[in-house]
């Protein structure tokens, strides 16, 4: 157990989970600040898993980062299409 990983988990999940729980609203309102906060939190948690040498959990978090960004972008592109 790496002590720095525990700090990263507390900070990362403390930031990412409240935003992630309302990610549908974040996505529909296109709240970029909340997306950045969520991405930073998940990134910190992923780094914590990397420090613990848990490759599987690290990659799960990285895949979620990518999927969340794509999901956010799809809503933005859909909104732009409706404005035209």
C-alpha atoms as a PDB file:
ATOM      1  CA  UNK A   1       0.000   0.000   0.000  1.00  0.00           C
ATOM      2  CA  UNK A   2       1.442   3.298  -1.088  1.00  0.00           C
ATOM      3  CA  UNK A   3       0.526   6.215   1.256  1.00  0.00           C
ATOM      4  CA  UNK A   4       0.474   8.742  -1.585  1.00  0.00           C
ATOM      5  CA  UNK A   5      -2.077   6.607  -3.430  1.00  0.00           C
ATOM      6  CA  UNK A   6      -4.474   6.949  -0.496  1.00  0.00           C
ATOM      7  CA  UNK A   7      -4.210  10.743  -0.682  1.00  0.00           C
ATOM      8  CA  UNK A   8      -4.796  10.592  -4.447  1.00  0.00           C
ATOM      9  CA  UNK A   9      -7.876   8.400  -3.935  1.00  0.00           C
ATOM     10  CA  UNK A  10      -9.346  10.789  -1.359  1.00  0.00           C
ATOM     11  CA  UNK A  11      -8.770  13.846  -3.546  1.00  0.00           C
ATOM     12  CA  UNK A  12      -9.628  12.173  -6.841  1.00  0.00           C
ATOM     13  CA  UNK A  13     -12.785  10.351  -5.819  1.00  0.00           C
ATOM     14  CA  UNK A  14     -13.854  13.291  -3.651  1.00  0.00           C
ATOM     15  CA  UNK A  15     -13.813  15.445  -6.765  1.00  0.00           C
ATOM     16  CA  UNK A  16     -14.977  12.941  -9.393  1.00  0.00           C
ATOM     17  CA  UNK A  17     -17.827  11.081  -7.692  1.00  0.00           C
ATOM     18  CA  UNK A  18     -20.168  14.029  -6.953  1.00  0.00           C
ATOM     19  CA  UNK A  19     -19.747  15.303 -10.502  1.00  0.00           C
ATOM     20  CA  UNK A  20     -20.007  11.797 -11.965  1.00  0.00           C
ATOM     21  CA  UNK A  21     -23.286  11.241 -10.137  1.00  0.00           C
ATOM     22  CA  UNK A  22     -24.746  14.168 -12.088  1.00  0.00           C
ATOM     23  CA  UNK A  23     -22.819  13.582 -15.308  1.00  0.00           C
ATOM     24  CA  UNK A  24     -26.003  13.483 -17.379  1.00  0.00           C
ATOM     25  CA  UNK A  25     -26.809  17.031 -16.288  1.00  0.00           C
ATOM     26  CA  UNK A  26     -23.192  18.109 -16.826  1.00  0.00           C
ATOM     27  CA  UNK A  27     -23.348  16.676 -20.329  1.00  0.00           C
ATOM     28  CA  UNK A  28     -26.717  18.153 -21.268  1.00  0.00           C
ATOM     29  CA  UNK A  29     -25.827  21.636 -19.980  1.00  0.00           C
ATOM     30  CA  UNK A  30     -22.326  21.398 -21.484  1.00  0.00           C
ATOM     31  CA  UNK A  31     -20.709  22.467 -18.211  1.00  0.00           C
ATOM     32  CA  UNK A  32     -17.026  22.402 -19.211  1.00  0.00           C
ATOM     33  CA  UNK A  33     -15.750  23.343 -15.756  1.00  0.00           C
ATOM     34  CA  UNK A  34     -17.515  20.348 -14.227  1.00  0.00           C
ATOM     35  CA  UNK A  35     -16.135  18.095 -16.977  1.00  0.00           C
ATOM     36  CA  UNK A  36     -12.606  19.335 -16.274  1.00  0.00           C
ATOM     37  CA  UNK A  37     -13.113  18.727 -12.554  1.00  0.00           C
ATOM     38  CA  UNK A  38     -14.410  15.234 -13.196  1.00  0.00           C
ATOM     39  CA  UNK A  39     -11.544  14.432 -15.552  1.00  0.00           C
ATOM     40  CA  UNK A  40      -8.995  15.744 -13.033  1.00  0.00           C
ATOM     41  CA  UNK A  41     -10.537  13.687 -10.230  1.00  0.00           C
ATOM     42  CA  UNK A  42     -10.607  10.467 -12.231  1.00  0.00           C
ATOM     43  CA  UNK A  43      -7.052  11.178 -13.377  1.00  0.00           C
ATOM     44  CA  UNK A  44      -5.887  11.525  -9.762  1.00  0.00           C
ATOM     45  CA  UNK A  45      -7.624   8.272  -8.837  1.00  0.00           C
ATOM     46  CA  UNK A  46      -6.039   6.540 -11.844  1.00  0.00           C
ATOM     47  CA  UNK A  47      -2.638   7.779 -10.720  1.00  0.00           C
ATOM     48  CA  UNK A  48      -3.348   6.353  -7.264  1.00  0.00           C
ATOM     49  CA  UNK A  49      -4.083   2.958  -8.815  1.00  0.00           C
ATOM     50  CA  UNK A  50      -0.896   3.183 -10.867  1.00  0.00           C
ATOM     51  CA  UNK A  51       1.124   3.814  -7.692  1.00  0.00           C
ATOM     52  CA  UNK A  52      -0.412   0.681  -6.189  1.00  0.00           C
ATOM     53  CA  UNK A  53       0.624  -1.232  -9.336  1.00  0.00           C
ATOM     54  CA  UNK A  54      -2.982  -2.161 -10.089  1.00  0.00           C
ATOM     55  CA  UNK A  55      -2.813  -2.067 -13.864  1.00  0.00           C
ATOM     56  CA  UNK A  56      -6.385  -3.263 -14.380  1.00  0.00           C
ATOM     57  CA  UNK A  57      -7.949  -0.528 -12.252  1.00  0.00           C
ATOM     58  CA  UNK A  58      -5.664   2.051 -13.839  1.00  0.00           C
ATOM     59  CA  UNK A  59      -6.849   1.121 -17.338  1.00  0.00           C
ATOM     60  CA  UNK A  60     -10.505   1.035 -16.274  1.00  0.00           C
ATOM     61  CA  UNK A  61     -10.158   4.649 -15.109  1.00  0.00           C
ATOM     62  CA  UNK A  62      -8.346   5.699 -18.278  1.00  0.00           C
ATOM     63  CA  UNK A  63     -11.053   4.104 -20.428  1.00  0.00           C
ATOM     64  CA  UNK A  64     -13.707   5.948 -18.400  1.00  0.00           C
ATOM     65  CA  UNK A  65     -11.847   9.238 -18.945  1.00  0.00           C
ATOM     66  CA  UNK A  66     -11.942   8.661 -22.694  1.00  0.00           C
ATOM     67  CA  UNK A  67     -15.589   7.515 -22.734  1.00  0.00           C
ATOM     68  CA  UNK A  68     -16.756  10.474 -20.620  1.00  0.00           C
ATOM     69  CA  UNK A  69     -14.976  12.925 -22.922  1.00  0.00           C
ATOM     70  CA  UNK A  70     -16.516  11.320 -26.016  1.00  0.00           C
ATOM     71  CA  UNK A  71     -19.980  11.279 -24.413  1.00  0.00           C
ATOM     72  CA  UNK A  72     -19.633  14.967 -23.540  1.00  0.00           C
ATOM     73  CA  UNK A  73     -18.508  15.760 -27.115  1.00  0.00           C
ATOM     74  CA  UNK A  74     -21.420  13.863 -28.684  1.00  0.00           C
ATOM     75  CA  UNK A  75     -23.922  16.029 -26.815  1.00  0.00           C
ATOM     76  CA  UNK A  76     -22.071  19.173 -27.886  1.00  0.00           C
ATOM     77  CA  UNK A  77     -22.092  18.079 -31.537  1.00  0.00           C
ATOM     78  CA  UNK A  78     -25.777  17.174 -31.315  1.00  0.00           C
ATOM     79  CA  UNK A  79     -26.563  20.653 -29.937  1.00  0.00           C
ATOM     80  CA  UNK A  80     -24.622  22.337 -32.754  1.00  0.00           C
ATOM     81  CA  UNK A  81     -26.560  20.362 -35.334  1.00  0.00           C
ATOM     82  CA  UNK A  82     -29.878  21.576 -33.923  1.00  0.00           C
ATOM     83  CA  UNK A  83     -28.814  25.233 -34.109  1.00  0.00           C
ATOM     84  CA  UNK A  84     -28.143  25.170 -37.826  1.00  0.00           C
END
